[in-house]
Amino acid sequence: MFLVVSEACKKWIDVIGMLLADGEIDEREDSIMRYTYGKERLMIPSMTELPEHFAPLLKRLLFRGI
């Protein structure tokens, strides 16, 4: 997966990884996501927290396009 993300970034394509867990996010999951997506990742512990994590990302992406 890392190679796919890397190639997309070389072509100026924004890639954002999202992990939606069912409870606590463990260290292994965090490490994999950090390695693959760097800072461009969302780590969401539960579905109920999706809006509070996703809304700021959407806002940032919309303003980036202006």
PDB file of N, CA and C in Angstrom:
ATOM      1  N   MET A   1       0.814  -1.192   0.000  1.00  0.00           N
ATOM      2  CA  MET A   1       0.000   0.000   0.000  1.00  0.00           C
ATOM      3  C   MET A   1       0.859   1.259   0.000  1.00  0.00           C
ATOM      4  N   PHE A   2       1.998   1.198   0.705  1.00  0.00           N
ATOM      5  CA  PHE A   2       2.874   2.362   0.774  1.00  0.00           C
ATOM      6  C   PHE A   2       3.297   2.814  -0.619  1.00  0.00           C
ATOM      7  N   LEU A   3       3.608   1.875  -1.499  1.00  0.00           N
ATOM      8  CA  LEU A   3       4.046   2.236  -2.852  1.00  0.00           C
ATOM      9  C   LEU A   3       2.944   2.932  -3.630  1.00  0.00           C
ATOM     10  N   VAL A   4       1.715   2.495  -3.455  1.00  0.00           N
ATOM     11  CA  VAL A   4       0.585   3.118  -4.148  1.00  0.00           C
ATOM     12  C   VAL A   4       0.412   4.557  -3.665  1.00  0.00           C
ATOM     13  N   VAL A   5       0.475   4.767  -2.364  1.00  0.00           N
ATOM     14  CA  VAL A   5       0.347   6.108  -1.800  1.00  0.00           C
ATOM     15  C   VAL A   5       1.499   6.982  -2.273  1.00  0.00           C
ATOM     16  N   SER A   6       2.696   6.450  -2.268  1.00  0.00           N
ATOM     17  CA  SER A   6       3.871   7.196  -2.705  1.00  0.00           C
ATOM     18  C   SER A   6       3.756   7.616  -4.168  1.00  0.00           C
ATOM     19  N   GLU A   7       3.329   6.712  -5.020  1.00  0.00           N
ATOM     20  CA  GLU A   7       3.163   7.027  -6.445  1.00  0.00           C
ATOM     21  C   GLU A   7       2.085   8.084  -6.659  1.00  0.00           C
ATOM     22  N   ALA A   8       1.002   7.997  -5.934  1.00  0.00           N
ATOM     23  CA  ALA A   8      -0.072   8.989  -6.060  1.00  0.00           C
ATOM     24  C   ALA A   8       0.432  10.370  -5.646  1.00  0.00           C
ATOM     25  N   CYS A   9       1.182  10.434  -4.579  1.00  0.00           N
ATOM     26  CA  CYS A   9       1.714  11.713  -4.110  1.00  0.00           C
ATOM     27  C   CYS A   9       2.685  12.327  -5.123  1.00  0.00           C
ATOM     28  N   LYS A  10       3.452  11.490  -5.793  1.00  0.00           N
ATOM     29  CA  LYS A  10       4.361  11.982  -6.833  1.00  0.00           C
ATOM     30  C   LYS A  10       3.599  12.630  -7.973  1.00  0.00           C
ATOM     31  N   LYS A  11       2.350  12.213  -8.159  1.00  0.00           N
ATOM     32  CA  LYS A  11       1.500  12.761  -9.228  1.00  0.00           C
ATOM     33  C   LYS A  11       0.589  13.867  -8.708  1.00  0.00           C
ATOM     34  N   TRP A  12       0.913  14.406  -7.549  1.00  0.00           N
ATOM     35  CA  TRP A  12       0.175  15.497  -6.913  1.00  0.00           C
ATOM     36  C   TRP A  12      -1.269  15.107  -6.583  1.00  0.00           C
ATOM     37  N   ILE A  13      -1.487  13.862  -6.255  1.00  0.00           N
ATOM     38  CA  ILE A  13      -2.800  13.379  -5.832  1.00  0.00           C
ATOM     39  C   ILE A  13      -2.781  13.272  -4.309  1.00  0.00           C
ATOM     40  N   ASP A  14      -3.710  13.949  -3.671  1.00  0.00           N
ATOM     41  CA  ASP A  14      -3.797  13.883  -2.212  1.00  0.00           C
ATOM     42  C   ASP A  14      -4.366  12.535  -1.794  1.00  0.00           C
ATOM     43  N   VAL A  15      -3.691  11.888  -0.868  1.00  0.00           N
ATOM     44  CA  VAL A  15      -4.146  10.606  -0.336  1.00  0.00           C
ATOM     45  C   VAL A  15      -4.244  10.743   1.179  1.00  0.00           C
ATOM     46  N   ILE A  16      -5.384  10.382   1.706  1.00  0.00           N
ATOM     47  CA  ILE A  16      -5.601  10.469   3.142  1.00  0.00           C
ATOM     48  C   ILE A  16      -6.081   9.114   3.628  1.00  0.00           C
ATOM     49  N   GLY A  17      -5.388   8.555   4.588  1.00  0.00           N
ATOM     50  CA  GLY A  17      -5.775   7.274   5.152  1.00  0.00           C
ATOM     51  C   GLY A  17      -6.726   7.468   6.319  1.00  0.00           C
ATOM     52  N   MET A  18      -7.708   6.601   6.420  1.00  0.00           N
ATOM     53  CA  MET A  18      -8.657   6.679   7.522  1.00  0.00           C
ATOM     54  C   MET A  18      -8.803   5.303   8.158  1.00  0.00           C
ATOM     55  N   LEU A  19      -8.576   5.244   9.444  1.00  0.00           N
ATOM     56  CA  LEU A  19      -8.779   4.018  10.203  1.00  0.00           C
ATOM     57  C   LEU A  19      -9.973   4.243  11.112  1.00  0.00           C
ATOM     58  N   LEU A  20     -10.995   3.452  10.919  1.00  0.00           N
ATOM     59  CA  LEU A  20     -12.185   3.516  11.764  1.00  0.00           C
ATOM     60  C   LEU A  20     -12.202   2.248  12.601  1.00  0.00           C
ATOM     61  N   ALA A  21     -11.858   2.388  13.866  1.00  0.00           N
ATOM     62  CA  ALA A  21     -11.712   1.241  14.757  1.00  0.00           C
ATOM     63  C   ALA A  21     -13.011   0.965  15.513  1.00  0.00           C
ATOM     64  N   ASP A  22     -13.028  -0.170  16.153  1.00  0.00           N
ATOM     65  CA  ASP A  22     -14.143  -0.548  17.006  1.00  0.00           C
ATOM     66  C   ASP A  22     -13.636  -0.566  18.444  1.00  0.00           C
ATOM     67  N   GLY A  23     -13.278   0.618  18.920  1.00  0.00           N
ATOM     68  CA  GLY A  23     -12.687   0.731  20.250  1.00  0.00           C
ATOM     69  C   GLY A  23     -11.322   1.379  20.180  1.00  0.00           C
ATOM     70  N   GLU A  24     -10.459   0.979  21.053  1.00  0.00           N
ATOM     71  CA  GLU A  24      -9.132   1.576  21.143  1.00  0.00           C
ATOM     72  C   GLU A  24      -8.259   1.199  19.949  1.00  0.00           C
ATOM     73  N   ILE A  25      -7.477   2.170  19.482  1.00  0.00           N
ATOM     74  CA  ILE A  25      -6.545   1.938  18.379  1.00  0.00           C
ATOM     75  C   ILE A  25      -5.225   1.477  18.985  1.00  0.00           C
ATOM     76  N   ASP A  26      -4.772   0.311  18.539  1.00  0.00           N
ATOM     77  CA  ASP A  26      -3.536  -0.210  19.142  1.00  0.00           C
ATOM     78  C   ASP A  26      -2.298   0.348  18.448  1.00  0.00           C
ATOM     79  N   GLU A  27      -1.168   0.132  19.069  1.00  0.00           N
ATOM     80  CA  GLU A  27       0.107   0.682  18.607  1.00  0.00           C
ATOM     81  C   GLU A  27       0.474   0.176  17.208  1.00  0.00           C
ATOM     82  N   ARG A  28       0.180  -1.070  16.926  1.00  0.00           N
ATOM     83  CA  ARG A  28       0.499  -1.646  15.613  1.00  0.00           C
ATOM     84  C   ARG A  28      -0.290  -0.946  14.507  1.00  0.00           C
ATOM     85  N   GLU A  29      -1.575  -0.739  14.735  1.00  0.00           N
ATOM     86  CA  GLU A  29      -2.409  -0.047  13.749  1.00  0.00           C
ATOM     87  C   GLU A  29      -1.907   1.369  13.514  1.00  0.00           C
ATOM     88  N   ASP A  30      -1.581   2.059  14.592  1.00  0.00           N
ATOM     89  CA  ASP A  30      -1.079   3.424  14.485  1.00  0.00           C
ATOM     90  C   ASP A  30       0.234   3.464  13.713  1.00  0.00           C
ATOM     91  N   SER A  31       1.110   2.526  13.988  1.00  0.00           N
ATOM     92  CA  SER A  31       2.410   2.469  13.323  1.00  0.00           C
ATOM     93  C   SER A  31       2.261   2.229  11.818  1.00  0.00           C
ATOM     94  N   ILE A  32       1.391   1.319  11.457  1.00  0.00           N
ATOM     95  CA  ILE A  32       1.157   1.030  10.034  1.00  0.00           C
ATOM     96  C   ILE A  32       0.593   2.249   9.320  1.00  0.00           C
ATOM     97  N   MET A  33      -0.386   2.878   9.932  1.00  0.00           N
ATOM     98  CA  MET A  33      -0.993   4.060   9.311  1.00  0.00           C
ATOM     99  C   MET A  33       0.009   5.208   9.205  1.00  0.00           C
ATOM    100  N   ARG A  34       0.824   5.404  10.242  1.00  0.00           N
ATOM    101  CA  ARG A  34       1.828   6.468  10.222  1.00  0.00           C
ATOM    102  C   ARG A  34       2.843   6.213   9.118  1.00  0.00           C
ATOM    103  N   TYR A  35       3.294   4.980   8.975  1.00  0.00           N
ATOM    104  CA  TYR A  35       4.268   4.632   7.943  1.00  0.00           C
ATOM    105  C   TYR A  35       3.684   4.840   6.541  1.00  0.00           C
ATOM    106  N   THR A  36       2.440   4.437   6.363  1.00  0.00           N
ATOM    107  CA  THR A  36       1.825   4.494   5.038  1.00  0.00           C
ATOM    108  C   THR A  36       1.381   5.898   4.644  1.00  0.00           C
ATOM    109  N   TYR A  37       0.754   6.622   5.562  1.00  0.00           N
ATOM    110  CA  TYR A  37       0.134   7.901   5.221  1.00  0.00           C
ATOM    111  C   TYR A  37       0.805   9.116   5.831  1.00  0.00           C
ATOM    112  N   GLY A  38       1.746   8.930   6.730  1.00  0.00           N
ATOM    113  CA  GLY A  38       2.398  10.073   7.374  1.00  0.00           C
ATOM    114  C   GLY A  38       1.396  10.902   8.157  1.00  0.00           C
ATOM    115  N   LYS A  39       1.434  12.208   7.971  1.00  0.00           N
ATOM    116  CA  LYS A  39       0.517  13.101   8.676  1.00  0.00           C
ATOM    117  C   LYS A  39      -0.888  13.071   8.077  1.00  0.00           C
ATOM    118  N   GLU A  40      -1.002  12.576   6.880  1.00  0.00           N
ATOM    119  CA  GLU A  40      -2.296  12.574   6.191  1.00  0.00           C
ATOM    120  C   GLU A  40      -3.103  11.335   6.544  1.00  0.00           C
ATOM    121  N   ARG A  41      -3.491  11.255   7.808  1.00  0.00           N
ATOM    122  CA  ARG A  41      -4.269  10.107   8.238  1.00  0.00           C
ATOM    123  C   ARG A  41      -5.239  10.526   9.334  1.00  0.00           C
ATOM    124  N   LEU A  42      -6.334   9.828   9.388  1.00  0.00           N
ATOM    125  CA  LEU A  42      -7.318  10.008  10.450  1.00  0.00           C
ATOM    126  C   LEU A  42      -7.403   8.713  11.224  1.00  0.00           C
ATOM    127  N   MET A  43      -7.287   8.820  12.519  1.00  0.00           N
ATOM    128  CA  MET A  43      -7.385   7.656  13.390  1.00  0.00           C
ATOM    129  C   MET A  43      -8.629   7.852  14.247  1.00  0.00           C
ATOM    130  N   ILE A  44      -9.676   7.125  13.953  1.00  0.00           N
ATOM    131  CA  ILE A  44     -10.960   7.328  14.607  1.00  0.00           C
ATOM    132  C   ILE A  44     -11.302   6.091  15.428  1.00  0.00           C
ATOM    133  N   PRO A  45     -11.343   6.250  16.752  1.00  0.00           N
ATOM    134  CA  PRO A  45     -11.563   5.103  17.637  1.00  0.00           C
ATOM    135  C   PRO A  45     -12.950   4.463  17.520  1.00  0.00           C
ATOM    136  N   SER A  46     -13.965   5.254  17.179  1.00  0.00           N
ATOM    137  CA  SER A  46     -15.308   4.675  17.078  1.00  0.00           C
ATOM    138  C   SER A  46     -16.155   5.485  16.100  1.00  0.00           C
ATOM    139  N   MET A  47     -17.192   4.850  15.604  1.00  0.00           N
ATOM    140  CA  MET A  47     -18.079   5.474  14.635  1.00  0.00           C
ATOM    141  C   MET A  47     -18.711   6.753  15.195  1.00  0.00           C
ATOM    142  N   THR A  48     -18.952   6.780  16.487  1.00  0.00           N
ATOM    143  CA  THR A  48     -19.573   7.967  17.081  1.00  0.00           C
ATOM    144  C   THR A  48     -18.666   9.190  17.015  1.00  0.00           C
ATOM    145  N   GLU A  49     -17.365   8.980  16.875  1.00  0.00           N
ATOM    146  CA  GLU A  49     -16.411  10.090  16.807  1.00  0.00           C
ATOM    147  C   GLU A  49     -16.108  10.524  15.371  1.00  0.00           C
ATOM    148  N   LEU A  50     -16.703   9.872  14.403  1.00  0.00           N
ATOM    149  CA  LEU A  50     -16.439  10.180  12.992  1.00  0.00           C
ATOM    150  C   LEU A  50     -16.675  11.655  12.658  1.00  0.00           C
ATOM    151  N   PRO A  51     -17.821  12.250  13.002  1.00  0.00           N
ATOM    152  CA  PRO A  51     -18.045  13.654  12.623  1.00  0.00           C
ATOM    153  C   PRO A  51     -16.998  14.615  13.173  1.00  0.00           C
ATOM    154  N   GLU A  52     -16.585  14.440  14.420  1.00  0.00           N
ATOM    155  CA  GLU A  52     -15.624  15.380  14.999  1.00  0.00           C
ATOM    156  C   GLU A  52     -14.233  15.253  14.393  1.00  0.00           C
ATOM    157  N   HIS A  53     -13.916  14.127  13.802  1.00  0.00           N
ATOM    158  CA  HIS A  53     -12.619  13.949  13.146  1.00  0.00           C
ATOM    159  C   HIS A  53     -12.698  14.294  11.659  1.00  0.00           C
ATOM    160  N   PHE A  54     -13.807  13.964  11.039  1.00  0.00           N
ATOM    161  CA  PHE A  54     -13.934  14.119   9.593  1.00  0.00           C
ATOM    162  C   PHE A  54     -14.239  15.563   9.183  1.00  0.00           C
ATOM    163  N   ALA A  55     -15.036  16.267   9.972  1.00  0.00           N
ATOM    164  CA  ALA A  55     -15.414  17.644   9.623  1.00  0.00           C
ATOM    165  C   ALA A  55     -14.205  18.571   9.465  1.00  0.00           C
ATOM    166  N   PRO A  56     -13.240  18.576  10.395  1.00  0.00           N
ATOM    167  CA  PRO A  56     -12.073  19.445  10.192  1.00  0.00           C
ATOM    168  C   PRO A  56     -11.263  19.078   8.942  1.00  0.00           C
ATOM    169  N   LEU A  57     -11.174  17.794   8.641  1.00  0.00           N
ATOM    170  CA  LEU A  57     -10.461  17.369   7.440  1.00  0.00           C
ATOM    171  C   LEU A  57     -11.172  17.888   6.198  1.00  0.00           C
ATOM    172  N   LEU A  58     -12.472  17.734   6.147  1.00  0.00           N
ATOM    173  CA  LEU A  58     -13.245  18.204   5.000  1.00  0.00           C
ATOM    174  C   LEU A  58     -13.089  19.711   4.833  1.00  0.00           C
ATOM    175  N   LYS A  59     -13.146  20.454   5.917  1.00  0.00           N
ATOM    176  CA  LYS A  59     -12.974  21.905   5.871  1.00  0.00           C
ATOM    177  C   LYS A  59     -11.600  22.269   5.311  1.00  0.00           C
ATOM    178  N   ARG A  60     -10.575  21.575   5.796  1.00  0.00           N
ATOM    179  CA  ARG A  60      -9.208  21.851   5.331  1.00  0.00           C
ATOM    180  C   ARG A  60      -9.072  21.576   3.830  1.00  0.00           C
ATOM    181  N   LEU A  61      -9.645  20.465   3.381  1.00  0.00           N
ATOM    182  CA  LEU A  61      -9.574  20.119   1.957  1.00  0.00           C
ATOM    183  C   LEU A  61     -10.331  21.123   1.085  1.00  0.00           C
ATOM    184  N   LEU A  62     -11.465  21.554   1.566  1.00  0.00           N
ATOM    185  CA  LEU A  62     -12.243  22.550   0.805  1.00  0.00           C
ATOM    186  C   LEU A  62     -11.498  23.865   0.692  1.00  0.00           C
ATOM    187  N   PHE A  63     -10.870  24.315   1.787  1.00  0.00           N
ATOM    188  CA  PHE A  63     -10.115  25.568   1.732  1.00  0.00           C
ATOM    189  C   PHE A  63      -8.845  25.433   0.908  1.00  0.00           C
ATOM    190  N   ARG A  64      -8.284  24.253   0.851  1.00  0.00           N
ATOM    191  CA  ARG A  64      -7.090  24.015   0.042  1.00  0.00           C
ATOM    192  C   ARG A  64      -7.411  24.213  -1.446  1.00  0.00           C
ATOM    193  N   GLY A  65      -8.639  23.866  -1.824  1.00  0.00           N
ATOM    194  CA  GLY A  65      -9.047  23.964  -3.217  1.00  0.00           C
ATOM    195  C   GLY A  65      -9.367  25.373  -3.673  1.00  0.00           C
ATOM    196  N   ILE A  66      -9.471  26.308  -2.731  1.00  0.00           N
ATOM    197  CA  ILE A  66      -9.825  27.689  -3.094  1.00  0.00           C
ATOM    198  C   ILE A  66      -8.595  28.441  -3.538  1.00  0.00           C
TER     199      ILE A  66
END
